[in-house]
Amino acid sequence: QVQLVESGGGLVQPGGSLRLSCVASGSFTDDWRMSWYRQAPGNSRELVGTISSDGTTKYADSVKGRFAISEDKFKRTWFLQMISLQPEDTAIYYCNLYDLRLLWNDWGQGTQVTVSS
């Protein structure tokens, strides 16, 4: 299994942008799915989007057209690029790696994103 470390969160004004990173250390197969989730205070954790090892991406309706997930295979890093951020995007963002062949998943520690003027 792996250790996932997220970074890139912070405070941004409405309409601003941030790029979150999730770096994996450890072993995993080449059949995986990386997901980004977020959890706002008082809310349950919600799926933001996913990228699969074949490059397929999917997004929640609330972030389509504003968020994009990408990967750097050589650096074992995934990114969540966020633009046109709004106060309702404020949450702790988590990455989750699911190894589809070995059937385990791991979570990162989370990174806080706050959108406020």
N, C-alpha and C. Protein backbone atom coordinates (compact mmCIF):
# COMPACT_ATOMS: atom_id res chain seq x y z
N GLN A 1 0.85 -1.18 0.00
CA GLN A 1 0.00 0.00 0.00
C GLN A 1 0.88 1.22 0.00
N VAL A 2 0.24 2.41 0.00
CA VAL A 2 1.00 3.62 -0.20
C VAL A 2 0.72 4.64 0.89
N GLN A 3 1.58 5.63 0.92
CA GLN A 3 1.33 6.83 1.70
C GLN A 3 1.05 7.95 0.72
N LEU A 4 -0.01 8.70 0.96
CA LEU A 4 -0.39 9.81 0.10
C LEU A 4 -0.23 11.11 0.88
N VAL A 5 0.42 12.07 0.26
CA VAL A 5 0.64 13.35 0.90
C VAL A 5 0.11 14.44 -0.01
N GLU A 6 -0.86 15.20 0.51
CA GLU A 6 -1.46 16.29 -0.26
C GLU A 6 -0.80 17.61 0.11
N SER A 7 -0.86 18.53 -0.82
CA SER A 7 -0.37 19.88 -0.58
C SER A 7 -1.08 20.82 -1.55
N GLY A 8 -0.89 22.12 -1.30
CA GLY A 8 -1.42 23.11 -2.23
C GLY A 8 -2.65 23.85 -1.76
N GLY A 9 -3.19 23.46 -0.62
CA GLY A 9 -4.36 24.17 -0.13
C GLY A 9 -4.00 25.55 0.40
N GLY A 10 -5.02 26.33 0.70
CA GLY A 10 -4.78 27.66 1.23
C GLY A 10 -6.02 28.51 1.15
N LEU A 11 -5.79 29.80 1.36
CA LEU A 11 -6.87 30.79 1.31
C LEU A 11 -6.83 31.50 -0.05
N VAL A 12 -7.97 31.57 -0.69
CA VAL A 12 -8.05 32.21 -2.00
C VAL A 12 -9.34 33.01 -2.08
N GLN A 13 -9.32 34.09 -2.83
CA GLN A 13 -10.51 34.91 -2.99
C GLN A 13 -11.47 34.26 -3.99
N PRO A 14 -12.74 34.56 -3.89
CA PRO A 14 -13.69 34.05 -4.89
C PRO A 14 -13.24 34.41 -6.30
N GLY A 15 -13.36 33.44 -7.18
CA GLY A 15 -12.90 33.61 -8.54
C GLY A 15 -11.46 33.20 -8.76
N GLY A 16 -10.76 32.91 -7.67
CA GLY A 16 -9.36 32.53 -7.77
C GLY A 16 -9.14 31.08 -8.11
N SER A 17 -7.87 30.69 -8.13
CA SER A 17 -7.48 29.33 -8.53
C SER A 17 -6.51 28.75 -7.53
N LEU A 18 -6.51 27.44 -7.46
CA LEU A 18 -5.53 26.69 -6.68
C LEU A 18 -5.25 25.38 -7.39
N ARG A 19 -4.05 24.85 -7.16
CA ARG A 19 -3.75 23.52 -7.65
C ARG A 19 -3.29 22.66 -6.48
N LEU A 20 -4.03 21.61 -6.23
CA LEU A 20 -3.68 20.67 -5.19
C LEU A 20 -2.85 19.53 -5.78
N SER A 21 -1.94 19.02 -4.97
CA SER A 21 -1.10 17.90 -5.38
C SER A 21 -1.28 16.75 -4.41
N CYS A 22 -1.12 15.54 -4.92
CA CYS A 22 -1.17 14.33 -4.10
C CYS A 22 -0.04 13.44 -4.58
N VAL A 23 0.94 13.22 -3.71
CA VAL A 23 2.12 12.43 -4.05
C VAL A 23 2.04 11.08 -3.37
N ALA A 24 2.30 10.02 -4.13
CA ALA A 24 2.24 8.67 -3.58
C ALA A 24 3.65 8.10 -3.39
N SER A 25 3.85 7.48 -2.25
CA SER A 25 5.07 6.71 -2.02
C SER A 25 4.65 5.31 -1.62
N GLY A 26 5.40 4.31 -2.11
CA GLY A 26 5.01 2.94 -1.87
C GLY A 26 4.66 2.27 -3.19
N SER A 27 4.16 1.07 -3.09
CA SER A 27 3.91 0.26 -4.28
C SER A 27 2.43 0.15 -4.60
N PHE A 28 2.14 0.25 -5.87
CA PHE A 28 0.80 -0.02 -6.34
C PHE A 28 0.88 -0.51 -7.78
N THR A 29 -0.16 -1.18 -8.22
CA THR A 29 -0.15 -1.75 -9.57
C THR A 29 -0.47 -0.66 -10.59
N ASP A 30 -0.48 -1.04 -11.84
CA ASP A 30 -0.77 -0.07 -12.90
C ASP A 30 -2.27 -0.03 -13.23
N ASP A 31 -3.08 -0.59 -12.35
CA ASP A 31 -4.54 -0.55 -12.51
C ASP A 31 -5.13 0.13 -11.27
N TRP A 32 -5.36 1.41 -11.37
CA TRP A 32 -5.74 2.19 -10.19
C TRP A 32 -6.77 3.24 -10.56
N ARG A 33 -7.35 3.80 -9.52
CA ARG A 33 -8.24 4.93 -9.67
C ARG A 33 -7.91 5.93 -8.55
N MET A 34 -7.61 7.16 -8.96
CA MET A 34 -7.33 8.23 -8.00
C MET A 34 -8.56 9.12 -7.92
N SER A 35 -9.03 9.35 -6.71
CA SER A 35 -10.20 10.19 -6.51
C SER A 35 -9.86 11.35 -5.59
N TRP A 36 -10.50 12.46 -5.85
CA TRP A 36 -10.44 13.61 -4.95
C TRP A 36 -11.82 13.75 -4.31
N TYR A 37 -11.81 13.90 -2.99
CA TYR A 37 -13.01 14.12 -2.22
C TYR A 37 -12.86 15.43 -1.47
N ARG A 38 -13.97 15.94 -0.98
CA ARG A 38 -13.90 17.10 -0.10
C ARG A 38 -14.96 16.97 0.98
N GLN A 39 -14.67 17.61 2.09
CA GLN A 39 -15.60 17.59 3.22
C GLN A 39 -15.64 18.96 3.85
N ALA A 40 -16.81 19.57 3.78
CA ALA A 40 -17.03 20.87 4.40
C ALA A 40 -17.55 20.64 5.82
N PRO A 41 -17.37 21.62 6.71
CA PRO A 41 -17.85 21.47 8.09
C PRO A 41 -19.33 21.13 8.13
N GLY A 42 -19.66 20.09 8.88
CA GLY A 42 -21.06 19.69 9.02
C GLY A 42 -21.61 18.86 7.89
N ASN A 43 -20.78 18.64 6.87
CA ASN A 43 -21.24 17.86 5.71
C ASN A 43 -20.50 16.54 5.64
N SER A 44 -21.08 15.61 4.90
CA SER A 44 -20.40 14.36 4.66
C SER A 44 -19.37 14.54 3.54
N ARG A 45 -18.46 13.61 3.46
CA ARG A 45 -17.43 13.68 2.42
C ARG A 45 -18.07 13.42 1.06
N GLU A 46 -17.73 14.26 0.09
CA GLU A 46 -18.32 14.10 -1.23
C GLU A 46 -17.23 13.92 -2.28
N LEU A 47 -17.57 13.16 -3.30
CA LEU A 47 -16.65 12.92 -4.39
C LEU A 47 -16.59 14.13 -5.30
N VAL A 48 -15.38 14.58 -5.58
CA VAL A 48 -15.18 15.71 -6.49
C VAL A 48 -14.92 15.21 -7.90
N GLY A 49 -14.05 14.23 -8.02
CA GLY A 49 -13.73 13.70 -9.33
C GLY A 49 -12.74 12.56 -9.24
N THR A 50 -12.60 11.86 -10.35
CA THR A 50 -11.68 10.72 -10.39
C THR A 50 -10.89 10.72 -11.69
N ILE A 51 -9.74 10.07 -11.63
CA ILE A 51 -8.98 9.76 -12.84
C ILE A 51 -8.56 8.31 -12.72
N SER A 52 -8.71 7.58 -13.81
CA SER A 52 -8.33 6.18 -13.82
C SER A 52 -7.00 6.02 -14.53
N SER A 53 -6.43 4.82 -14.38
CA SER A 53 -5.12 4.58 -14.96
C SER A 53 -5.15 4.61 -16.49
N ASP A 54 -6.35 4.51 -17.08
CA ASP A 54 -6.44 4.64 -18.54
C ASP A 54 -6.64 6.08 -18.97
N GLY A 55 -6.62 6.99 -18.01
CA GLY A 55 -6.73 8.41 -18.32
C GLY A 55 -8.14 8.97 -18.27
N THR A 56 -9.12 8.10 -18.03
CA THR A 56 -10.51 8.57 -17.98
C THR A 56 -10.73 9.42 -16.74
N THR A 57 -11.40 10.54 -16.92
CA THR A 57 -11.73 11.41 -15.81
C THR A 57 -13.25 11.58 -15.71
N LYS A 58 -13.70 11.76 -14.48
CA LYS A 58 -15.12 12.03 -14.23
C LYS A 58 -15.19 13.07 -13.12
N TYR A 59 -16.23 13.90 -13.17
CA TYR A 59 -16.35 14.99 -12.20
C TYR A 59 -17.77 15.10 -11.68
N ALA A 60 -17.87 15.58 -10.46
CA ALA A 60 -19.17 15.91 -9.92
C ALA A 60 -19.73 17.10 -10.70
N ASP A 61 -21.06 17.14 -10.81
CA ASP A 61 -21.69 18.22 -11.57
C ASP A 61 -21.31 19.59 -11.01
N SER A 62 -21.12 19.67 -9.71
CA SER A 62 -20.85 20.95 -9.07
C SER A 62 -19.49 21.54 -9.45
N VAL A 63 -18.60 20.73 -10.00
CA VAL A 63 -17.26 21.23 -10.33
C VAL A 63 -16.92 21.09 -11.81
N LYS A 64 -17.81 20.52 -12.59
CA LYS A 64 -17.53 20.35 -14.02
C LYS A 64 -17.24 21.68 -14.68
N GLY A 65 -16.20 21.70 -15.48
CA GLY A 65 -15.82 22.91 -16.17
C GLY A 65 -14.94 23.83 -15.34
N ARG A 66 -14.81 23.56 -14.05
CA ARG A 66 -13.97 24.39 -13.19
C ARG A 66 -12.78 23.62 -12.61
N PHE A 67 -12.95 22.35 -12.39
CA PHE A 67 -11.89 21.51 -11.81
C PHE A 67 -11.39 20.52 -12.85
N ALA A 68 -10.12 20.21 -12.76
CA ALA A 68 -9.54 19.22 -13.67
C ALA A 68 -8.49 18.40 -12.93
N ILE A 69 -8.55 17.09 -13.14
CA ILE A 69 -7.60 16.18 -12.51
C ILE A 69 -6.60 15.72 -13.56
N SER A 70 -5.34 15.70 -13.19
CA SER A 70 -4.30 15.22 -14.09
C SER A 70 -3.27 14.44 -13.28
N GLU A 71 -2.31 13.84 -13.99
CA GLU A 71 -1.31 13.05 -13.31
C GLU A 71 0.05 13.27 -13.94
N ASP A 72 1.05 13.06 -13.14
CA ASP A 72 2.43 13.00 -13.60
C ASP A 72 2.93 11.62 -13.21
N LYS A 73 2.92 10.69 -14.18
CA LYS A 73 3.23 9.30 -13.86
C LYS A 73 4.63 9.15 -13.30
N PHE A 74 5.56 9.89 -13.86
CA PHE A 74 6.94 9.73 -13.45
C PHE A 74 7.17 10.21 -12.02
N LYS A 75 6.41 11.20 -11.62
CA LYS A 75 6.55 11.73 -10.26
C LYS A 75 5.54 11.11 -9.31
N ARG A 76 4.69 10.18 -9.81
CA ARG A 76 3.67 9.52 -8.99
C ARG A 76 2.85 10.58 -8.26
N THR A 77 2.47 11.55 -9.01
CA THR A 77 1.75 12.69 -8.45
C THR A 77 0.48 12.94 -9.25
N TRP A 78 -0.57 13.28 -8.55
CA TRP A 78 -1.82 13.68 -9.17
C TRP A 78 -2.14 15.10 -8.76
N PHE A 79 -2.86 15.80 -9.63
CA PHE A 79 -3.17 17.20 -9.40
C PHE A 79 -4.67 17.42 -9.51
N LEU A 80 -5.14 18.36 -8.71
CA LEU A 80 -6.51 18.84 -8.84
C LEU A 80 -6.40 20.34 -9.09
N GLN A 81 -6.59 20.72 -10.34
CA GLN A 81 -6.56 22.14 -10.72
C GLN A 81 -7.96 22.70 -10.54
N MET A 82 -8.06 23.77 -9.77
CA MET A 82 -9.35 24.37 -9.47
C MET A 82 -9.33 25.83 -9.90
N ILE A 83 -10.31 26.22 -10.70
CA ILE A 83 -10.44 27.61 -11.12
C ILE A 83 -11.83 28.11 -10.76
N SER A 84 -12.02 29.40 -10.85
CA SER A 84 -13.32 30.02 -10.54
C SER A 84 -13.87 29.52 -9.21
N LEU A 85 -13.00 29.51 -8.22
CA LEU A 85 -13.41 29.00 -6.90
C LEU A 85 -14.44 29.89 -6.26
N GLN A 86 -15.36 29.26 -5.55
CA GLN A 86 -16.44 29.95 -4.88
C GLN A 86 -16.44 29.57 -3.41
N PRO A 87 -17.08 30.37 -2.56
CA PRO A 87 -17.10 30.05 -1.13
C PRO A 87 -17.62 28.65 -0.83
N GLU A 88 -18.51 28.15 -1.65
CA GLU A 88 -19.05 26.81 -1.41
C GLU A 88 -18.05 25.71 -1.72
N ASP A 89 -16.92 26.06 -2.29
CA ASP A 89 -15.85 25.09 -2.51
C ASP A 89 -14.97 24.93 -1.27
N THR A 90 -15.21 25.74 -0.27
CA THR A 90 -14.43 25.65 0.97
C THR A 90 -14.64 24.30 1.62
N ALA A 91 -13.53 23.61 1.88
CA ALA A 91 -13.60 22.26 2.44
C ALA A 91 -12.18 21.75 2.66
N ILE A 92 -12.10 20.63 3.33
CA ILE A 92 -10.85 19.88 3.36
C ILE A 92 -10.90 18.91 2.17
N TYR A 93 -9.84 18.94 1.39
CA TYR A 93 -9.78 18.10 0.19
C TYR A 93 -8.85 16.92 0.46
N TYR A 94 -9.33 15.74 0.08
CA TYR A 94 -8.59 14.50 0.30
C TYR A 94 -8.37 13.78 -1.03
N CYS A 95 -7.23 13.14 -1.16
CA CYS A 95 -7.04 12.24 -2.29
C CYS A 95 -7.14 10.80 -1.79
N ASN A 96 -7.58 9.95 -2.67
CA ASN A 96 -7.76 8.53 -2.35
C ASN A 96 -7.30 7.71 -3.53
N LEU A 97 -6.38 6.81 -3.28
CA LEU A 97 -5.89 5.92 -4.33
C LEU A 97 -6.46 4.53 -4.11
N TYR A 98 -7.12 4.00 -5.13
CA TYR A 98 -7.71 2.67 -5.06
C TYR A 98 -6.98 1.79 -6.07
N ASP A 99 -6.33 0.75 -5.56
CA ASP A 99 -5.66 -0.21 -6.43
C ASP A 99 -6.70 -1.24 -6.86
N LEU A 100 -7.07 -1.22 -8.11
CA LEU A 100 -8.16 -2.04 -8.61
C LEU A 100 -7.76 -3.50 -8.77
N ARG A 101 -6.47 -3.77 -8.77
CA ARG A 101 -6.03 -5.16 -8.90
C ARG A 101 -5.87 -5.81 -7.53
N LEU A 102 -5.29 -5.10 -6.59
CA LEU A 102 -5.06 -5.64 -5.25
C LEU A 102 -6.18 -5.31 -4.28
N LEU A 103 -7.11 -4.47 -4.71
CA LEU A 103 -8.33 -4.15 -3.95
C LEU A 103 -8.05 -3.54 -2.58
N TRP A 104 -7.21 -2.53 -2.54
CA TRP A 104 -7.06 -1.73 -1.34
C TRP A 104 -7.14 -0.27 -1.73
N ASN A 105 -7.37 0.58 -0.74
CA ASN A 105 -7.31 2.00 -1.00
C ASN A 105 -6.72 2.72 0.20
N ASP A 106 -6.10 3.83 -0.05
CA ASP A 106 -5.50 4.66 0.98
C ASP A 106 -5.91 6.11 0.79
N TRP A 107 -5.94 6.82 1.93
CA TRP A 107 -6.30 8.23 1.93
C TRP A 107 -5.11 9.10 2.29
N GLY A 108 -5.11 10.31 1.73
CA GLY A 108 -4.18 11.32 2.19
C GLY A 108 -4.72 11.96 3.46
N GLN A 109 -3.92 12.86 4.01
CA GLN A 109 -4.27 13.48 5.29
C GLN A 109 -5.23 14.66 5.12
N GLY A 110 -5.38 15.13 3.91
CA GLY A 110 -6.27 16.25 3.64
C GLY A 110 -5.53 17.58 3.60
N THR A 111 -6.06 18.50 2.81
CA THR A 111 -5.51 19.86 2.75
C THR A 111 -6.69 20.83 2.71
N GLN A 112 -6.58 21.88 3.50
CA GLN A 112 -7.69 22.83 3.65
C GLN A 112 -7.70 23.82 2.49
N VAL A 113 -8.86 24.00 1.91
CA VAL A 113 -9.09 25.04 0.90
C VAL A 113 -10.17 25.97 1.44
N THR A 114 -9.84 27.23 1.54
CA THR A 114 -10.79 28.23 2.02
C THR A 114 -10.95 29.31 0.96
N VAL A 115 -12.18 29.52 0.55
CA VAL A 115 -12.48 30.54 -0.46
C VAL A 115 -13.27 31.65 0.22
N SER A 116 -12.63 32.79 0.37
CA SER A 116 -13.25 33.88 1.11
C SER A 116 -12.62 35.20 0.70
N SER A 117 -13.43 36.25 0.74
CA SER A 117 -12.89 37.58 0.48
C SER A 117 -12.50 38.25 1.78
